[in-house]
Amino acid sequence: MPKKVMKGVVVSRKADKTAVVRVDRTSKHPLFGKTLYSSKKFYAHDEANSVQEGDTVWIMESKPISKLKRWVIVTEAQANQA
């Protein structure tokens, strides 16, 4: 089964080797057709501490790294292979 890959924006870099990534999604209301916007924050592992707040990154699911971290920041090339 392939791993999930999502694109998001880094909103926090306060913890060491961890980035909080906000993933925005859009969907249409089933009856009225209005576009609905929702977002969710994910804790992602960043081994090299290479990203900054405001960067657009790809995250891929992984095995649990800590209590909240289940995602890893990957490059766009790695995201396209998954």
PDB file of N, CA and C in Angstrom:
ATOM      1  N   MET A   1       0.841  -1.176   0.000  1.00  0.00           N
ATOM      2  CA  MET A   1       0.000   0.000   0.000  1.00  0.00           C
ATOM      3  C   MET A   1       0.891   1.246   0.000  1.00  0.00           C
ATOM      4  N   PRO A   2       0.674   2.173  -0.922  1.00  0.00           N
ATOM      5  CA  PRO A   2       1.529   3.366  -0.972  1.00  0.00           C
ATOM      6  C   PRO A   2       1.293   4.287   0.222  1.00  0.00           C
ATOM      7  N   LYS A   3       2.342   5.024   0.555  1.00  0.00           N
ATOM      8  CA  LYS A   3       2.247   5.966   1.670  1.00  0.00           C
ATOM      9  C   LYS A   3       1.572   7.247   1.192  1.00  0.00           C
ATOM     10  N   LYS A   4       0.830   7.876   2.090  1.00  0.00           N
ATOM     11  CA  LYS A   4       0.159   9.133   1.754  1.00  0.00           C
ATOM     12  C   LYS A   4       1.182  10.251   1.651  1.00  0.00           C
ATOM     13  N   VAL A   5       0.977  11.129   0.681  1.00  0.00           N
ATOM     14  CA  VAL A   5       1.834  12.294   0.491  1.00  0.00           C
ATOM     15  C   VAL A   5       0.942  13.516   0.385  1.00  0.00           C
ATOM     16  N   MET A   6       1.287  14.573   1.132  1.00  0.00           N
ATOM     17  CA  MET A   6       0.501  15.802   1.107  1.00  0.00           C
ATOM     18  C   MET A   6       1.419  17.011   1.016  1.00  0.00           C
ATOM     19  N   LYS A   7       0.871  18.088   0.508  1.00  0.00           N
ATOM     20  CA  LYS A   7       1.607  19.339   0.364  1.00  0.00           C
ATOM     21  C   LYS A   7       1.045  20.345   1.356  1.00  0.00           C
ATOM     22  N   GLY A   8       1.943  21.050   2.061  1.00  0.00           N
ATOM     23  CA  GLY A   8       1.484  22.014   3.044  1.00  0.00           C
ATOM     24  C   GLY A   8       2.495  23.123   3.274  1.00  0.00           C
ATOM     25  N   VAL A   9       2.164  23.998   4.225  1.00  0.00           N
ATOM     26  CA  VAL A   9       2.984  25.158   4.557  1.00  0.00           C
ATOM     27  C   VAL A   9       3.463  25.019   5.995  1.00  0.00           C
ATOM     28  N   VAL A  10       4.751  25.289   6.224  1.00  0.00           N
ATOM     29  CA  VAL A  10       5.316  25.220   7.567  1.00  0.00           C
ATOM     30  C   VAL A  10       4.820  26.428   8.367  1.00  0.00           C
ATOM     31  N   VAL A  11       4.213  26.162   9.526  1.00  0.00           N
ATOM     32  CA  VAL A  11       3.692  27.253  10.353  1.00  0.00           C
ATOM     33  C   VAL A  11       4.469  27.427  11.649  1.00  0.00           C
ATOM     34  N   SER A  12       5.274  26.432  12.046  1.00  0.00           N
ATOM     35  CA  SER A  12       6.047  26.557  13.276  1.00  0.00           C
ATOM     36  C   SER A  12       7.323  25.735  13.177  1.00  0.00           C
ATOM     37  N   ARG A  13       8.415  26.289  13.754  1.00  0.00           N
ATOM     38  CA  ARG A  13       9.715  25.608  13.767  1.00  0.00           C
ATOM     39  C   ARG A  13      10.334  25.684  15.165  1.00  0.00           C
ATOM     40  N   LYS A  14       9.536  25.719  16.202  1.00  0.00           N
ATOM     41  CA  LYS A  14      10.052  25.947  17.541  1.00  0.00           C
ATOM     42  C   LYS A  14      10.773  24.737  18.130  1.00  0.00           C
ATOM     43  N   ALA A  15      10.337  23.536  17.801  1.00  0.00           N
ATOM     44  CA  ALA A  15      10.960  22.326  18.348  1.00  0.00           C
ATOM     45  C   ALA A  15      12.122  21.871  17.467  1.00  0.00           C
ATOM     46  N   ASP A  16      13.086  21.188  18.072  1.00  0.00           N
ATOM     47  CA  ASP A  16      14.246  20.691  17.333  1.00  0.00           C
ATOM     48  C   ASP A  16      13.831  19.493  16.472  1.00  0.00           C
ATOM     49  N   LYS A  17      14.206  19.508  15.206  1.00  0.00           N
ATOM     50  CA  LYS A  17      13.941  18.438  14.233  1.00  0.00           C
ATOM     51  C   LYS A  17      12.451  18.190  14.014  1.00  0.00           C
ATOM     52  N   THR A  18      11.627  19.195  14.292  1.00  0.00           N
ATOM     53  CA  THR A  18      10.186  19.059  14.106  1.00  0.00           C
ATOM     54  C   THR A  18       9.641  20.328  13.458  1.00  0.00           C
ATOM     55  N   ALA A  19       8.731  20.133  12.516  1.00  0.00           N
ATOM     56  CA  ALA A  19       8.046  21.260  11.885  1.00  0.00           C
ATOM     57  C   ALA A  19       6.550  20.984  11.938  1.00  0.00           C
ATOM     58  N   VAL A  20       5.781  22.017  12.214  1.00  0.00           N
ATOM     59  CA  VAL A  20       4.328  21.897  12.168  1.00  0.00           C
ATOM     60  C   VAL A  20       3.890  22.370  10.783  1.00  0.00           C
ATOM     61  N   VAL A  21       3.211  21.485  10.057  1.00  0.00           N
ATOM     62  CA  VAL A  21       2.824  21.760   8.676  1.00  0.00           C
ATOM     63  C   VAL A  21       1.305  21.826   8.588  1.00  0.00           C
ATOM     64  N   ARG A  22       0.793  22.926   8.005  1.00  0.00           N
ATOM     65  CA  ARG A  22      -0.647  23.087   7.812  1.00  0.00           C
ATOM     66  C   ARG A  22      -0.997  22.640   6.394  1.00  0.00           C
ATOM     67  N   VAL A  23      -1.918  21.680   6.296  1.00  0.00           N
ATOM     68  CA  VAL A  23      -2.372  21.185   5.000  1.00  0.00           C
ATOM     69  C   VAL A  23      -3.792  21.695   4.773  1.00  0.00           C
ATOM     70  N   ASP A  24      -3.984  22.439   3.687  1.00  0.00           N
ATOM     71  CA  ASP A  24      -5.299  22.988   3.349  1.00  0.00           C
ATOM     72  C   ASP A  24      -5.984  22.079   2.334  1.00  0.00           C
ATOM     73  N   ARG A  25      -7.269  21.881   2.515  1.00  0.00           N
ATOM     74  CA  ARG A  25      -8.041  21.045   1.602  1.00  0.00           C
ATOM     75  C   ARG A  25      -9.300  21.790   1.177  1.00  0.00           C
ATOM     76  N   THR A  26      -9.781  21.472  -0.009  1.00  0.00           N
ATOM     77  CA  THR A  26     -11.050  22.019  -0.481  1.00  0.00           C
ATOM     78  C   THR A  26     -11.953  20.868  -0.892  1.00  0.00           C
ATOM     79  N   SER A  27     -13.251  21.072  -0.690  1.00  0.00           N
ATOM     80  CA  SER A  27     -14.234  20.086  -1.124  1.00  0.00           C
ATOM     81  C   SER A  27     -15.523  20.823  -1.434  1.00  0.00           C
ATOM     82  N   LYS A  28     -16.374  20.185  -2.181  1.00  0.00           N
ATOM     83  CA  LYS A  28     -17.664  20.787  -2.512  1.00  0.00           C
ATOM     84  C   LYS A  28     -18.746  20.209  -1.614  1.00  0.00           C
ATOM     85  N   HIS A  29     -19.665  21.070  -1.202  1.00  0.00           N
ATOM     86  CA  HIS A  29     -20.797  20.611  -0.418  1.00  0.00           C
ATOM     87  C   HIS A  29     -21.644  19.694  -1.301  1.00  0.00           C
ATOM     88  N   PRO A  30     -22.070  18.534  -0.794  1.00  0.00           N
ATOM     89  CA  PRO A  30     -22.769  17.576  -1.652  1.00  0.00           C
ATOM     90  C   PRO A  30     -24.112  18.070  -2.199  1.00  0.00           C
ATOM     91  N   LEU A  31     -24.803  18.913  -1.464  1.00  0.00           N
ATOM     92  CA  LEU A  31     -26.118  19.375  -1.920  1.00  0.00           C
ATOM     93  C   LEU A  31     -26.056  20.752  -2.566  1.00  0.00           C
ATOM     94  N   PHE A  32     -25.397  21.697  -1.927  1.00  0.00           N
ATOM     95  CA  PHE A  32     -25.422  23.078  -2.393  1.00  0.00           C
ATOM     96  C   PHE A  32     -24.292  23.432  -3.350  1.00  0.00           C
ATOM     97  N   GLY A  33     -23.245  22.623  -3.403  1.00  0.00           N
ATOM     98  CA  GLY A  33     -22.168  22.863  -4.345  1.00  0.00           C
ATOM     99  C   GLY A  33     -21.170  23.935  -3.939  1.00  0.00           C
ATOM    100  N   LYS A  34     -21.341  24.521  -2.763  1.00  0.00           N
ATOM    101  CA  LYS A  34     -20.414  25.560  -2.307  1.00  0.00           C
ATOM    102  C   LYS A  34     -19.054  24.939  -1.977  1.00  0.00           C
ATOM    103  N   THR A  35     -17.984  25.659  -2.286  1.00  0.00           N
ATOM    104  CA  THR A  35     -16.650  25.182  -1.975  1.00  0.00           C
ATOM    105  C   THR A  35     -16.374  25.397  -0.493  1.00  0.00           C
ATOM    106  N   LEU A  36     -15.984  24.316   0.195  1.00  0.00           N
ATOM    107  CA  LEU A  36     -15.673  24.369   1.611  1.00  0.00           C
ATOM    108  C   LEU A  36     -14.166  24.258   1.788  1.00  0.00           C
ATOM    109  N   TYR A  37     -13.612  25.044   2.692  1.00  0.00           N
ATOM    110  CA  TYR A  37     -12.183  25.046   2.958  1.00  0.00           C
ATOM    111  C   TYR A  37     -11.948  24.499   4.348  1.00  0.00           C
ATOM    112  N   SER A  38     -10.973  23.615   4.486  1.00  0.00           N
ATOM    113  CA  SER A  38     -10.602  23.107   5.798  1.00  0.00           C
ATOM    114  C   SER A  38      -9.091  22.929   5.843  1.00  0.00           C
ATOM    115  N   SER A  39      -8.543  22.974   7.030  1.00  0.00           N
ATOM    116  CA  SER A  39      -7.103  22.780   7.177  1.00  0.00           C
ATOM    117  C   SER A  39      -6.846  21.948   8.421  1.00  0.00           C
ATOM    118  N   LYS A  40      -5.686  21.299   8.435  1.00  0.00           N
ATOM    119  CA  LYS A  40      -5.285  20.497   9.575  1.00  0.00           C
ATOM    120  C   LYS A  40      -3.777  20.616   9.728  1.00  0.00           C
ATOM    121  N   LYS A  41      -3.305  20.581  10.971  1.00  0.00           N
ATOM    122  CA  LYS A  41      -1.881  20.682  11.249  1.00  0.00           C
ATOM    123  C   LYS A  41      -1.310  19.294  11.525  1.00  0.00           C
ATOM    124  N   PHE A  42      -0.121  19.033  10.967  1.00  0.00           N
ATOM    125  CA  PHE A  42       0.577  17.783  11.172  1.00  0.00           C
ATOM    126  C   PHE A  42       1.969  18.075  11.697  1.00  0.00           C
ATOM    127  N   TYR A  43       2.442  17.239  12.635  1.00  0.00           N
ATOM    128  CA  TYR A  43       3.810  17.334  13.111  1.00  0.00           C
ATOM    129  C   TYR A  43       4.670  16.459  12.216  1.00  0.00           C
ATOM    130  N   ALA A  44       5.701  17.046  11.614  1.00  0.00           N
ATOM    131  CA  ALA A  44       6.551  16.325  10.668  1.00  0.00           C
ATOM    132  C   ALA A  44       8.004  16.366  11.112  1.00  0.00           C
ATOM    133  N   HIS A  45       8.708  15.262  10.885  1.00  0.00           N
ATOM    134  CA  HIS A  45      10.118  15.155  11.254  1.00  0.00           C
ATOM    135  C   HIS A  45      10.988  15.809  10.188  1.00  0.00           C
ATOM    136  N   ASP A  46      11.923  16.639  10.632  1.00  0.00           N
ATOM    137  CA  ASP A  46      12.860  17.325   9.740  1.00  0.00           C
ATOM    138  C   ASP A  46      14.256  17.113  10.297  1.00  0.00           C
ATOM    139  N   GLU A  47      14.914  16.043   9.859  1.00  0.00           N
ATOM    140  CA  GLU A  47      16.203  15.640  10.426  1.00  0.00           C
ATOM    141  C   GLU A  47      17.255  16.736  10.335  1.00  0.00           C
ATOM    142  N   ALA A  48      17.320  17.458   9.226  1.00  0.00           N
ATOM    143  CA  ALA A  48      18.376  18.444   9.018  1.00  0.00           C
ATOM    144  C   ALA A  48      18.007  19.846   9.485  1.00  0.00           C
ATOM    145  N   ASN A  49      16.815  20.037  10.016  1.00  0.00           N
ATOM    146  CA  ASN A  49      16.335  21.382  10.384  1.00  0.00           C
ATOM    147  C   ASN A  49      16.492  22.348   9.216  1.00  0.00           C
ATOM    148  N   SER A  50      16.084  21.918   8.035  1.00  0.00           N
ATOM    149  CA  SER A  50      16.358  22.677   6.805  1.00  0.00           C
ATOM    150  C   SER A  50      15.221  23.598   6.378  1.00  0.00           C
ATOM    151  N   VAL A  51      14.039  23.445   6.930  1.00  0.00           N
ATOM    152  CA  VAL A  51      12.913  24.269   6.481  1.00  0.00           C
ATOM    153  C   VAL A  51      12.698  25.444   7.421  1.00  0.00           C
ATOM    154  N   GLN A  52      12.071  26.495   6.893  1.00  0.00           N
ATOM    155  CA  GLN A  52      11.755  27.691   7.670  1.00  0.00           C
ATOM    156  C   GLN A  52      10.255  27.924   7.620  1.00  0.00           C
ATOM    157  N   GLU A  53       9.766  28.767   8.513  1.00  0.00           N
ATOM    158  CA  GLU A  53       8.342  29.104   8.511  1.00  0.00           C
ATOM    159  C   GLU A  53       7.976  29.765   7.192  1.00  0.00           C
ATOM    160  N   GLY A  54       6.839  29.368   6.641  1.00  0.00           N
ATOM    161  CA  GLY A  54       6.384  29.922   5.380  1.00  0.00           C
ATOM    162  C   GLY A  54       6.772  29.086   4.177  1.00  0.00           C
ATOM    163  N   ASP A  55       7.687  28.128   4.326  1.00  0.00           N
ATOM    164  CA  ASP A  55       8.083  27.265   3.213  1.00  0.00           C
ATOM    165  C   ASP A  55       6.959  26.293   2.862  1.00  0.00           C
ATOM    166  N   THR A  56       6.825  26.005   1.565  1.00  0.00           N
ATOM    167  CA  THR A  56       5.894  24.983   1.105  1.00  0.00           C
ATOM    168  C   THR A  56       6.661  23.677   0.997  1.00  0.00           C
ATOM    169  N   VAL A  57       6.161  22.634   1.667  1.00  0.00           N
ATOM    170  CA  VAL A  57       6.868  21.359   1.730  1.00  0.00           C
ATOM    171  C   VAL A  57       5.924  20.200   1.428  1.00  0.00           C
ATOM    172  N   TRP A  58       6.512  19.055   1.103  1.00  0.00           N
ATOM    173  CA  TRP A  58       5.783  17.799   0.944  1.00  0.00           C
ATOM    174  C   TRP A  58       6.031  16.960   2.182  1.00  0.00           C
ATOM    175  N   ILE A  59       4.987  16.330   2.717  1.00  0.00           N
ATOM    176  CA  ILE A  59       5.144  15.423   3.848  1.00  0.00           C
ATOM    177  C   ILE A  59       4.629  14.050   3.447  1.00  0.00           C
ATOM    178  N   MET A  60       5.279  13.009   3.984  1.00  0.00           N
ATOM    179  CA  MET A  60       4.903  11.634   3.685  1.00  0.00           C
ATOM    180  C   MET A  60       4.731  10.888   4.999  1.00  0.00           C
ATOM    181  N   GLU A  61       3.712  10.053   5.083  1.00  0.00           N
ATOM    182  CA  GLU A  61       3.479   9.335   6.323  1.00  0.00           C
ATOM    183  C   GLU A  61       4.597   8.329   6.562  1.00  0.00           C
ATOM    184  N   SER A  62       4.860   8.049   7.846  1.00  0.00           N
ATOM    185  CA  SER A  62       5.914   7.116   8.220  1.00  0.00           C
ATOM    186  C   SER A  62       5.491   6.411   9.503  1.00  0.00           C
ATOM    187  N   LYS A  63       6.364   5.539   9.980  1.00  0.00           N
ATOM    188  CA  LYS A  63       6.088   4.887  11.256  1.00  0.00           C
ATOM    189  C   LYS A  63       6.146   5.941  12.367  1.00  0.00           C
ATOM    190  N   PRO A  64       5.527   5.703  13.516  1.00  0.00           N
ATOM    191  CA  PRO A  64       5.549   6.697  14.595  1.00  0.00           C
ATOM    192  C   PRO A  64       6.971   7.014  15.051  1.00  0.00           C
ATOM    193  N   ILE A  65       7.287   8.304  15.100  1.00  0.00           N
ATOM    194  CA  ILE A  65       8.611   8.764  15.521  1.00  0.00           C
ATOM    195  C   ILE A  65       8.565   9.207  16.980  1.00  0.00           C
ATOM    196  N   SER A  66       7.468   9.815  17.379  1.00  0.00           N
ATOM    197  CA  SER A  66       7.258  10.215  18.771  1.00  0.00           C
ATOM    198  C   SER A  66       5.752  10.181  19.027  1.00  0.00           C
ATOM    199  N   LYS A  67       5.335  10.778  20.132  1.00  0.00           N
ATOM    200  CA  LYS A  67       3.922  10.737  20.498  1.00  0.00           C
ATOM    201  C   LYS A  67       3.023  11.327  19.415  1.00  0.00           C
ATOM    202  N   LEU A  68       3.427  12.438  18.810  1.00  0.00           N
ATOM    203  CA  LEU A  68       2.594  13.120  17.824  1.00  0.00           C
ATOM    204  C   LEU A  68       3.123  13.038  16.398  1.00  0.00           C
ATOM    205  N   LYS A  69       4.403  12.733  16.206  1.00  0.00           N
ATOM    206  CA  LYS A  69       4.994  12.767  14.862  1.00  0.00           C
ATOM    207  C   LYS A  69       4.778  11.448  14.132  1.00  0.00           C
ATOM    208  N   ARG A  70       4.041  11.512  13.019  1.00  0.00           N
ATOM    209  CA  ARG A  70       3.815  10.359  12.141  1.00  0.00           C
ATOM    210  C   ARG A  70       4.128  10.702  10.695  1.00  0.00           C
ATOM    211  N   TRP A  71       4.774  11.846  10.452  1.00  0.00           N
ATOM    212  CA  TRP A  71       5.042  12.324   9.096  1.00  0.00           C
ATOM    213  C   TRP A  71       6.495  12.730   8.980  1.00  0.00           C
ATOM    214  N   VAL A  72       7.043  12.678   7.761  1.00  0.00           N
ATOM    215  CA  VAL A  72       8.422  13.061   7.472  1.00  0.00           C
ATOM    216  C   VAL A  72       8.406  14.039   6.313  1.00  0.00           C
ATOM    217  N   ILE A  73       9.223  15.092   6.399  1.00  0.00           N
ATOM    218  CA  ILE A  73       9.345  16.045   5.303  1.00  0.00           C
ATOM    219  C   ILE A  73      10.238  15.434   4.227  1.00  0.00           C
ATOM    220  N   VAL A  74       9.751  15.447   2.975  1.00  0.00           N
ATOM    221  CA  VAL A  74      10.503  14.865   1.866  1.00  0.00           C
ATOM    222  C   VAL A  74      10.646  15.905   0.752  1.00  0.00           C
ATOM    223  N   THR A  75      11.538  15.621  -0.183  1.00  0.00           N
ATOM    224  CA  THR A  75      11.698  16.495  -1.339  1.00  0.00           C
ATOM    225  C   THR A  75      10.592  16.214  -2.349  1.00  0.00           C
ATOM    226  N   GLU A  76      10.425  17.105  -3.305  1.00  0.00           N
ATOM    227  CA  GLU A  76       9.380  16.922  -4.297  1.00  0.00           C
ATOM    228  C   GLU A  76       9.627  15.677  -5.142  1.00  0.00           C
ATOM    229  N   ALA A  77      10.894  15.357  -5.408  1.00  0.00           N
ATOM    230  CA  ALA A  77      11.221  14.163  -6.190  1.00  0.00           C
ATOM    231  C   ALA A  77      10.819  12.888  -5.442  1.00  0.00           C
ATOM    232  N   GLN A  78      11.061  12.845  -4.122  1.00  0.00           N
ATOM    233  CA  GLN A  78      10.665  11.693  -3.329  1.00  0.00           C
ATOM    234  C   GLN A  78       9.151  11.584  -3.243  1.00  0.00           C
ATOM    235  N   ALA A  79       8.467  12.726  -3.188  1.00  0.00           N
ATOM    236  CA  ALA A  79       7.005  12.717  -3.096  1.00  0.00           C
ATOM    237  C   ALA A  79       6.387  12.162  -4.379  1.00  0.00           C
ATOM    238  N   ASN A  80       6.995  12.458  -5.534  1.00  0.00           N
ATOM    239  CA  ASN A  80       6.463  11.965  -6.786  1.00  0.00           C
ATOM    240  C   ASN A  80       6.690  10.470  -6.968  1.00  0.00           C
ATOM    241  N   GLN A  81       7.713   9.899  -6.320  1.00  0.00           N
ATOM    242  CA  GLN A  81       7.983   8.476  -6.427  1.00  0.00           C
ATOM    243  C   GLN A  81       7.036   7.655  -5.578  1.00  0.00           C
ATOM    244  N   ALA A  82       6.553   8.213  -4.472  1.00  0.00           N
ATOM    245  CA  ALA A  82       5.691   7.467  -3.558  1.00  0.00           C
ATOM    246  C   ALA A  82       4.298   7.257  -4.104  1.00  0.00           C
TER     247      ALA A  82
END
